[in-house]
PDB file of N, CA and C in Angstrom:
ATOM      1  N   MET A   1      91.159  91.487 104.145  1.00  0.00           N
ATOM      2  CA  MET A   1      91.963  92.386 103.887  1.00  0.00           C
ATOM      3  C   MET A   1      92.440  93.149 102.839  1.00  0.00           C
ATOM      4  N   THR A   2      92.757  94.255 102.834  1.00  0.00           N
ATOM      5  CA  THR A   2      93.296  94.828 101.567  1.00  0.00           C
ATOM      6  C   THR A   2      94.960  95.164 101.664  1.00  0.00           C
ATOM      7  N   ARG A   3      95.029  94.508 100.324  1.00  0.00           N
ATOM      8  CA  ARG A   3      96.252  94.974 100.261  1.00  0.00           C
ATOM      9  C   ARG A   3      97.415  95.987  99.602  1.00  0.00           C
ATOM     10  N   TYR A   4      98.197  96.848 100.019  1.00  0.00           N
ATOM     11  CA  TYR A   4      98.866  97.450  99.384  1.00  0.00           C
ATOM     12  C   TYR A   4      99.834  97.868  98.909  1.00  0.00           C
ATOM     13  N   LEU A   5     100.967  98.473  98.070  1.00  0.00           N
ATOM     14  CA  LEU A   5     102.172  98.768  97.700  1.00  0.00           C
ATOM     15  C   LEU A   5     102.930  99.996  98.242  1.00  0.00           C
ATOM     16  N   VAL A   6     103.726  99.765  99.063  1.00  0.00           N
ATOM     17  CA  VAL A   6     104.004 100.960 100.023  1.00  0.00           C
ATOM     18  C   VAL A   6     105.415 101.102  99.184  1.00  0.00           C
ATOM     19  N   GLU A   7     105.677 102.492  98.767  1.00  0.00           N
ATOM     20  CA  GLU A   7     107.344 102.828  98.438  1.00  0.00           C
ATOM     21  C   GLU A   7     107.563 103.279  99.560  1.00  0.00           C
ATOM     22  N   ARG A   8     108.940 103.284  99.614  1.00  0.00           N
ATOM     23  CA  ARG A   8     109.632 103.913 100.243  1.00  0.00           C
ATOM     24  C   ARG A   8     111.200 104.355 100.006  1.00  0.00           C
ATOM     25  N   ASN A   9     111.781 105.728 100.393  1.00  0.00           N
ATOM     26  CA  ASN A   9     113.031 106.094  99.845  1.00  0.00           C
ATOM     27  C   ASN A   9     113.561 106.221 100.742  1.00  0.00           C
ATOM     28  N   PHE A  10     114.871 105.659 100.690  1.00  0.00           N
ATOM     29  CA  PHE A  10     116.071 105.930 101.391  1.00  0.00           C
ATOM     30  C   PHE A  10     117.550 106.800 101.170  1.00  0.00           C
ATOM     31  N   ALA A  11     117.291 108.106 101.541  1.00  0.00           N
ATOM     32  CA  ALA A  11     118.648 108.903 101.284  1.00  0.00           C
ATOM     33  C   ALA A  11     119.502 108.463 101.114  1.00  0.00           C
ATOM     34  N   GLU A  12     120.138 107.280 102.528  1.00  0.00           N
ATOM     35  CA  GLU A  12     121.342 106.708 102.498  1.00  0.00           C
ATOM     36  C   GLU A  12     121.600 105.615 102.246  1.00  0.00           C
ATOM     37  N   GLY A  13     120.282 104.940 101.690  1.00  0.00           N
ATOM     38  CA  GLY A  13     120.053 103.360 101.226  1.00  0.00           C
ATOM     39  C   GLY A  13     119.320 102.610 102.374  1.00  0.00           C
ATOM     40  N   LEU A  14     119.471 101.405 101.836  1.00  0.00           N
ATOM     41  CA  LEU A  14     118.413 100.284 103.061  1.00  0.00           C
ATOM     42  C   LEU A  14     119.699  99.294 103.050  1.00  0.00           C
ATOM     43  N   GLU A  15     120.765  99.355 104.083  1.00  0.00           N
ATOM     44  CA  GLU A  15     121.524  97.755 104.094  1.00  0.00           C
ATOM     45  C   GLU A  15     120.866  97.202 105.199  1.00  0.00           C
ATOM     46  N   ILE A  16     120.356  96.108 105.218  1.00  0.00           N
ATOM     47  CA  ILE A  16     119.867  95.222 106.378  1.00  0.00           C
ATOM     48  C   ILE A  16     121.126  94.104 106.379  1.00  0.00           C
ATOM     49  N   PRO A  17     121.903  93.802 107.022  1.00  0.00           N
ATOM     50  CA  PRO A  17     122.942  92.895 107.059  1.00  0.00           C
ATOM     51  C   PRO A  17     122.192  91.063 106.891  1.00  0.00           C
ATOM     52  N   THR A  18     122.853  90.388 106.645  1.00  0.00           N
ATOM     53  CA  THR A  18     122.549  89.339 106.351  1.00  0.00           C
ATOM     54  C   THR A  18     123.040  88.529 107.140  1.00  0.00           C
ATOM     55  N   ASP A  19     122.702  88.537 108.849  1.00  0.00           N
ATOM     56  CA  ASP A  19     123.232  87.759 109.542  1.00  0.00           C
ATOM     57  C   ASP A  19     122.153  88.010 111.018  1.00  0.00           C
ATOM     58  N   ASP A  20     122.555  87.282 111.996  1.00  0.00           N
ATOM     59  CA  ASP A  20     121.557  87.492 113.393  1.00  0.00           C
ATOM     60  C   ASP A  20     120.703  89.369 113.489  1.00  0.00           C
ATOM     61  N   ARG A  21     121.596  89.399 113.145  1.00  0.00           N
ATOM     62  CA  ARG A  21     121.252  91.510 113.236  1.00  0.00           C
ATOM     63  C   ARG A  21     120.007  91.819 112.025  1.00  0.00           C
ATOM     64  N   GLY A  22     120.565  91.258 110.878  1.00  0.00           N
ATOM     65  CA  GLY A  22     119.606  91.664 109.844  1.00  0.00           C
ATOM     66  C   GLY A  22     117.704  90.754 110.272  1.00  0.00           C
ATOM     67  N   ALA A  23     118.231  89.728 110.734  1.00  0.00           N
ATOM     68  CA  ALA A  23     117.035  88.544 111.092  1.00  0.00           C
ATOM     69  C   ALA A  23     116.234  89.299 112.101  1.00  0.00           C
ATOM     70  N   LYS A  24     116.806  90.152 112.890  1.00  0.00           N
ATOM     71  CA  LYS A  24     116.131  90.375 114.057  1.00  0.00           C
ATOM     72  C   LYS A  24     115.641  91.755 114.076  1.00  0.00           C
ATOM     73  N   ALA A  25     116.255  92.719 112.759  1.00  0.00           N
ATOM     74  CA  ALA A  25     115.330  93.812 112.573  1.00  0.00           C
ATOM     75  C   ALA A  25     114.289  93.487 111.590  1.00  0.00           C
ATOM     76  N   CYS A  26     114.641  92.282 110.857  1.00  0.00           N
ATOM     77  CA  CYS A  26     112.890  92.425 109.646  1.00  0.00           C
ATOM     78  C   CYS A  26     112.252  91.685 111.479  1.00  0.00           C
ATOM     79  N   LEU A  27     112.453  90.841 112.090  1.00  0.00           N
ATOM     80  CA  LEU A  27     111.600  90.653 113.142  1.00  0.00           C
ATOM     81  C   LEU A  27     110.710  91.846 114.042  1.00  0.00           C
ATOM     82  N   ASN A  28     111.933  92.853 114.436  1.00  0.00           N
ATOM     83  CA  ASN A  28     110.730  93.605 115.037  1.00  0.00           C
ATOM     84  C   ASN A  28     110.042  94.622 114.231  1.00  0.00           C
ATOM     85  N   VAL A  29     110.011  94.490 112.829  1.00  0.00           N
ATOM     86  CA  VAL A  29     109.378  95.262 111.743  1.00  0.00           C
ATOM     87  C   VAL A  29     107.909  94.320 112.151  1.00  0.00           C
ATOM     88  N   VAL A  30     108.300  93.314 111.862  1.00  0.00           N
ATOM     89  CA  VAL A  30     107.129  92.112 112.126  1.00  0.00           C
ATOM     90  C   VAL A  30     106.225  92.560 113.193  1.00  0.00           C
ATOM     91  N   ASP A  31     106.539  92.794 114.402  1.00  0.00           N
ATOM     92  CA  ASP A  31     106.213  93.074 115.637  1.00  0.00           C
ATOM     93  C   ASP A  31     105.467  94.408 115.777  1.00  0.00           C
ATOM     94  N   GLY A  32     106.128  95.017 115.118  1.00  0.00           N
ATOM     95  CA  GLY A  32     105.929  96.356 114.899  1.00  0.00           C
ATOM     96  C   GLY A  32     104.278  96.884 114.242  1.00  0.00           C
ATOM     97  N   ASN A  33     104.343  95.878 112.899  1.00  0.00           N
ATOM     98  CA  ASN A  33     103.148  96.182 112.136  1.00  0.00           C
ATOM     99  C   ASN A  33     102.226  95.438 112.539  1.00  0.00           C
ATOM    100  N   ALA A  34     102.102  94.261 113.810  1.00  0.00           N
ATOM    101  CA  ALA A  34     101.218  93.526 114.469  1.00  0.00           C
ATOM    102  C   ALA A  34     100.741  94.579 115.328  1.00  0.00           C
ATOM    103  N   GLN A  35     101.116  95.588 115.713  1.00  0.00           N
ATOM    104  CA  GLN A  35     100.485  96.387 116.615  1.00  0.00           C
ATOM    105  C   GLN A  35      99.724  97.145 116.207  1.00  0.00           C
ATOM    106  N   HIS A  36      99.296  97.017 114.788  1.00  0.00           N
ATOM    107  CA  HIS A  36      98.707  98.149 113.718  1.00  0.00           C
ATOM    108  C   HIS A  36      97.721  97.247 113.051  1.00  0.00           C
ATOM    109  N   GLY A  37      97.558  95.825 113.317  1.00  0.00           N
ATOM    110  CA  GLY A  37      96.997  94.587 112.355  1.00  0.00           C
ATOM    111  C   GLY A  37      97.581  94.948 110.833  1.00  0.00           C
ATOM    112  N   VAL A  38      98.838  94.912 110.775  1.00  0.00           N
ATOM    113  CA  VAL A  38      99.374  95.159 109.505  1.00  0.00           C
ATOM    114  C   VAL A  38     100.217  94.359 109.639  1.00  0.00           C
ATOM    115  N   THR A  39     100.304  93.371 108.213  1.00  0.00           N
ATOM    116  CA  THR A  39     100.767  92.292 107.702  1.00  0.00           C
ATOM    117  C   THR A  39     102.201  92.557 106.759  1.00  0.00           C
ATOM    118  N   TRP A  40     103.328  92.285 106.665  1.00  0.00           N
ATOM    119  CA  TRP A  40     104.435  92.545 106.134  1.00  0.00           C
ATOM    120  C   TRP A  40     104.463  91.239 104.536  1.00  0.00           C
ATOM    121  N   VAL A  41     103.984  91.604 103.806  1.00  0.00           N
ATOM    122  CA  VAL A  41     103.919  90.104 102.946  1.00  0.00           C
ATOM    123  C   VAL A  41     105.420  90.075 101.996  1.00  0.00           C
ATOM    124  N   HIS A  42     106.231  90.611 101.337  1.00  0.00           N
ATOM    125  CA  HIS A  42     107.449  90.884 100.897  1.00  0.00           C
ATOM    126  C   HIS A  42     107.761  92.072 100.099  1.00  0.00           C
ATOM    127  N   SER A  43     108.947  92.291  99.970  1.00  0.00           N
ATOM    128  CA  SER A  43     109.849  93.388  99.727  1.00  0.00           C
ATOM    129  C   SER A  43     110.438  93.376  98.198  1.00  0.00           C
ATOM    130  N   TYR A  44     110.421  94.637  97.430  1.00  0.00           N
ATOM    131  CA  TYR A  44     111.508  94.306  96.395  1.00  0.00           C
ATOM    132  C   TYR A  44     112.542  95.985  96.712  1.00  0.00           C
ATOM    133  N   VAL A  45     113.673  95.747  96.297  1.00  0.00           N
ATOM    134  CA  VAL A  45     114.297  97.037  96.654  1.00  0.00           C
ATOM    135  C   VAL A  45     115.062  97.033  95.277  1.00  0.00           C
ATOM    136  N   SER A  46     115.464  98.737  94.829  1.00  0.00           N
ATOM    137  CA  SER A  46     116.489  98.917  93.666  1.00  0.00           C
ATOM    138  C   SER A  46     117.466  98.478  94.057  1.00  0.00           C
ATOM    139  N   PRO A  47     118.048  98.281  92.558  1.00  0.00           N
ATOM    140  CA  PRO A  47     119.434  98.082  92.883  1.00  0.00           C
ATOM    141  C   PRO A  47     120.717  98.880  93.461  1.00  0.00           C
ATOM    142  N   ASP A  48     120.316 100.004  93.793  1.00  0.00           N
ATOM    143  CA  ASP A  48     121.048 101.184  94.546  1.00  0.00           C
ATOM    144  C   ASP A  48     120.575 101.247  95.713  1.00  0.00           C
ATOM    145  N   HIS A  49     119.552 100.157  96.452  1.00  0.00           N
ATOM    146  CA  HIS A  49     118.837 100.198  97.329  1.00  0.00           C
ATOM    147  C   HIS A  49     118.526 101.651  98.408  1.00  0.00           C
ATOM    148  N   SER A  50     117.928 102.341  97.380  1.00  0.00           N
ATOM    149  CA  SER A  50     117.369 103.455  97.432  1.00  0.00           C
ATOM    150  C   SER A  50     116.081 103.791  97.863  1.00  0.00           C
ATOM    151  N   THR A  51     115.419 102.836  96.823  1.00  0.00           N
ATOM    152  CA  THR A  51     113.692 102.590  97.058  1.00  0.00           C
ATOM    153  C   THR A  51     113.769 101.229  97.210  1.00  0.00           C
ATOM    154  N   THR A  52     112.576 101.209  98.595  1.00  0.00           N
ATOM    155  CA  THR A  52     111.759  99.478  98.629  1.00  0.00           C
ATOM    156  C   THR A  52     110.336 100.116  97.939  1.00  0.00           C
ATOM    157  N   TYR A  53     109.907  98.864  97.382  1.00  0.00           N
ATOM    158  CA  TYR A  53     108.627  98.693  97.182  1.00  0.00           C
ATOM    159  C   TYR A  53     108.000  97.192  98.040  1.00  0.00           C
ATOM    160  N   CYS A  54     107.561  97.661  98.972  1.00  0.00           N
ATOM    161  CA  CYS A  54     106.599  97.060  99.889  1.00  0.00           C
ATOM    162  C   CYS A  54     105.217  96.259  99.837  1.00  0.00           C
ATOM    163  N   VAL A  55     105.024  95.060  99.954  1.00  0.00           N
ATOM    164  CA  VAL A  55     103.514  94.383  99.987  1.00  0.00           C
ATOM    165  C   VAL A  55     102.716  94.283 101.158  1.00  0.00           C
ATOM    166  N   TYR A  56     102.076  94.951 101.225  1.00  0.00           N
ATOM    167  CA  TYR A  56     101.395  94.944 102.712  1.00  0.00           C
ATOM    168  C   TYR A  56     100.322  94.755 102.692  1.00  0.00           C
ATOM    169  N   ASP A  57      99.162  93.680 103.983  1.00  0.00           N
ATOM    170  CA  ASP A  57      98.180  92.953 103.967  1.00  0.00           C
ATOM    171  C   ASP A  57      97.872  94.583 105.301  1.00  0.00           C
ATOM    172  N   GLY A  58      96.646  94.905 105.181  1.00  0.00           N
ATOM    173  CA  GLY A  58      96.426  95.835 106.323  1.00  0.00           C
ATOM    174  C   GLY A  58      94.731  96.377 106.064  1.00  0.00           C
ATOM    175  N   PRO A  59      94.533  96.882 107.206  1.00  0.00           N
ATOM    176  CA  PRO A  59      92.749  97.729 107.485  1.00  0.00           C
ATOM    177  C   PRO A  59      92.621  98.411 106.698  1.00  0.00           C
ATOM    178  N   ASN A  60      93.870  99.298 106.452  1.00  0.00           N
ATOM    179  CA  ASN A  60      93.516 101.143 105.618  1.00  0.00           C
ATOM    180  C   ASN A  60      95.099 101.519 105.328  1.00  0.00           C
ATOM    181  N   PRO A  61      95.023 102.757 104.440  1.00  0.00           N
ATOM    182  CA  PRO A  61      96.101 103.528 104.631  1.00  0.00           C
ATOM    183  C   PRO A  61      96.710 104.064 106.175  1.00  0.00           C
ATOM    184  N   GLU A  62      96.146 104.486 106.607  1.00  0.00           N
ATOM    185  CA  GLU A  62      96.235 104.833 107.953  1.00  0.00           C
ATOM    186  C   GLU A  62      97.134 104.129 109.113  1.00  0.00           C
ATOM    187  N   ALA A  63      96.808 102.628 108.774  1.00  0.00           N
ATOM    188  CA  ALA A  63      97.379 101.582 109.455  1.00  0.00           C
ATOM    189  C   ALA A  63      98.935 101.343 109.231  1.00  0.00           C
ATOM    190  N   ILE A  64      98.982 101.348 107.913  1.00  0.00           N
ATOM    191  CA  ILE A  64     100.086 101.299 106.997  1.00  0.00           C
ATOM    192  C   ILE A  64     100.930 102.228 107.414  1.00  0.00           C
ATOM    193  N   ARG A  65     100.604 103.742 107.499  1.00  0.00           N
ATOM    194  CA  ARG A  65     101.653 104.730 108.803  1.00  0.00           C
ATOM    195  C   ARG A  65     101.701 104.568 109.514  1.00  0.00           C
ATOM    196  N   GLN A  66     100.791 104.249 110.520  1.00  0.00           N
ATOM    197  CA  GLN A  66     100.952 104.348 111.893  1.00  0.00           C
ATOM    198  C   GLN A  66     102.215 102.749 112.330  1.00  0.00           C
ATOM    199  N   ALA A  67     101.993 102.238 110.972  1.00  0.00           N
ATOM    200  CA  ALA A  67     102.929 101.004 111.543  1.00  0.00           C
ATOM    201  C   ALA A  67     104.226 101.405 111.106  1.00  0.00           C
ATOM    202  N   ALA A  68     104.338 102.230 110.066  1.00  0.00           N
ATOM    203  CA  ALA A  68     105.636 102.839 109.281  1.00  0.00           C
ATOM    204  C   ALA A  68     106.560 103.688 110.423  1.00  0.00           C
ATOM    205  N   GLU A  69     105.355 104.455 111.177  1.00  0.00           N
ATOM    206  CA  GLU A  69     105.942 105.155 112.227  1.00  0.00           C
ATOM    207  C   GLU A  69     106.489 104.477 113.019  1.00  0.00           C
ATOM    208  N   THR A  70     105.746 103.652 113.647  1.00  0.00           N
ATOM    209  CA  THR A  70     106.308 102.386 114.546  1.00  0.00           C
ATOM    210  C   THR A  70     107.963 102.012 114.561  1.00  0.00           C
ATOM    211  N   ASN A  71     107.743 101.569 113.465  1.00  0.00           N
ATOM    212  CA  ASN A  71     109.432 100.910 113.069  1.00  0.00           C
ATOM    213  C   ASN A  71     110.330 102.328 112.616  1.00  0.00           C
ATOM    214  N   GLY A  72     109.820 103.532 112.281  1.00  0.00           N
ATOM    215  CA  GLY A  72     110.852 104.234 112.486  1.00  0.00           C
ATOM    216  C   GLY A  72     111.290 104.429 110.425  1.00  0.00           C
ATOM    217  N   LEU A  73     110.265 103.750 109.689  1.00  0.00           N
ATOM    218  CA  LEU A  73     110.563 103.718 108.288  1.00  0.00           C
ATOM    219  C   LEU A  73     109.647 104.842 107.356  1.00  0.00           C
ATOM    220  N   PRO A  74     110.061 105.219 106.805  1.00  0.00           N
ATOM    221  CA  PRO A  74     109.675 106.247 105.557  1.00  0.00           C
ATOM    222  C   PRO A  74     108.181 105.749 104.782  1.00  0.00           C
ATOM    223  N   VAL A  75     107.377 106.580 104.193  1.00  0.00           N
ATOM    224  CA  VAL A  75     106.596 106.067 103.485  1.00  0.00           C
ATOM    225  C   VAL A  75     106.654 107.326 102.642  1.00  0.00           C
ATOM    226  N   THR A  76     107.050 106.861 101.381  1.00  0.00           N
ATOM    227  CA  THR A  76     106.710 107.848 100.187  1.00  0.00           C
ATOM    228  C   THR A  76     104.933 107.863  99.829  1.00  0.00           C
ATOM    229  N   LYS A  77     104.915 106.891  99.386  1.00  0.00           N
ATOM    230  CA  LYS A  77     103.716 106.198  98.340  1.00  0.00           C
ATOM    231  C   LYS A  77     103.244 105.149  98.795  1.00  0.00           C
ATOM    232  N   ILE A  78     101.558 105.072  99.207  1.00  0.00           N
ATOM    233  CA  ILE A  78     100.953 103.838  99.484  1.00  0.00           C
ATOM    234  C   ILE A  78      99.691 104.034  98.216  1.00  0.00           C
ATOM    235  N   THR A  79      99.725 102.576  97.581  1.00  0.00           N
ATOM    236  CA  THR A  79      98.609 102.194  96.717  1.00  0.00           C
ATOM    237  C   THR A  79      97.678 101.043  96.744  1.00  0.00           C
ATOM    238  N   GLU A  80      96.552 101.322  96.854  1.00  0.00           N
ATOM    239  CA  GLU A  80      96.122 100.079  96.832  1.00  0.00           C
ATOM    240  C   GLU A  80      96.187  99.011  95.933  1.00  0.00           C
ATOM    241  N   VAL A  81      96.360  98.200  95.770  1.00  0.00           N
ATOM    242  CA  VAL A  81      96.553  96.778  94.719  1.00  0.00           C
ATOM    243  C   VAL A  81      95.696  95.593  94.812  1.00  0.00           C
ATOM    244  N   ARG A  82      95.624  95.306  93.908  1.00  0.00           N
ATOM    245  CA  ARG A  82      94.936  93.886  93.503  1.00  0.00           C
ATOM    246  C   ARG A  82      95.736  92.903  92.770  1.00  0.00           C
ATOM    247  N   VAL A  83      95.366  91.620  92.199  1.00  0.00           N
ATOM    248  CA  VAL A  83      96.349  90.887  92.053  1.00  0.00           C
ATOM    249  C   VAL A  83      95.551  90.724  90.920  1.00  0.00           C
ATOM    250  N   LEU A  84      96.848  90.937  89.662  1.00  0.00           N
ATOM    251  CA  LEU A  84      96.434  90.216  88.367  1.00  0.00           C
ATOM    252  C   LEU A  84      97.413  89.297  87.821  1.00  0.00           C
ATOM    253  N   ASP A  85      96.475  88.073  87.658  1.00  0.00           N
ATOM    254  CA  ASP A  85      97.119  86.688  87.742  1.00  0.00           C
ATOM    255  C   ASP A  85      97.243  86.479  85.748  1.00  0.00           C
ATOM    256  N   PRO A  86      98.593  86.715  85.240  1.00  0.00           N
ATOM    257  CA  PRO A  86      98.417  86.370  83.784  1.00  0.00           C
ATOM    258  C   PRO A  86      98.020  84.920  83.483  1.00  0.00           C
ATOM    259  N   TYR A  87      97.990  84.163  84.092  1.00  0.00           N
ATOM    260  CA  TYR A  87      97.327  82.777  83.846  1.00  0.00           C
ATOM    261  C   TYR A  87      95.994  82.765  84.162  1.00  0.00           C
ATOM    262  N   PHE A  88      95.298  83.403  84.784  1.00  0.00           N
ATOM    263  CA  PHE A  88      93.952  83.674  85.371  1.00  0.00           C
ATOM    264  C   PHE A  88      93.006  83.525  83.649  1.00  0.00           C
ATOM    265  N   TYR A  89      93.681  84.030  82.823  1.00  0.00           N
ATOM    266  CA  TYR A  89      92.238  83.860  81.498  1.00  0.00           C
ATOM    267  C   TYR A  89      92.444  82.739  80.331  1.00  0.00           C
ATOM    268  N   HIS A  90      93.674  81.886  80.645  1.00  0.00           N
ATOM    269  CA  HIS A  90      94.292  80.581  80.065  1.00  0.00           C
ATOM    270  C   HIS A  90      93.388  79.275  80.592  1.00  0.00           C
TER     271      HIS A  90
END
């Protein structure tokens, strides 16, 4: 499976409650992704909550875009990435 970094911009900011509603929202995204063979690995969010950088595994960029559409999430940029481990060379 190929790994992608997905950049998303949220004009109003992204706020996910830290309660059952937030957990349900995240699980809904996981379920929506599964419909397209996409796995959400983890995400990073900017301090102002306007941008997220999400690591995904999926078959291709189109599947990532389709999953985002299913989940009502924006996609600013998709970049195929590979792990560079700084400890590999030791």
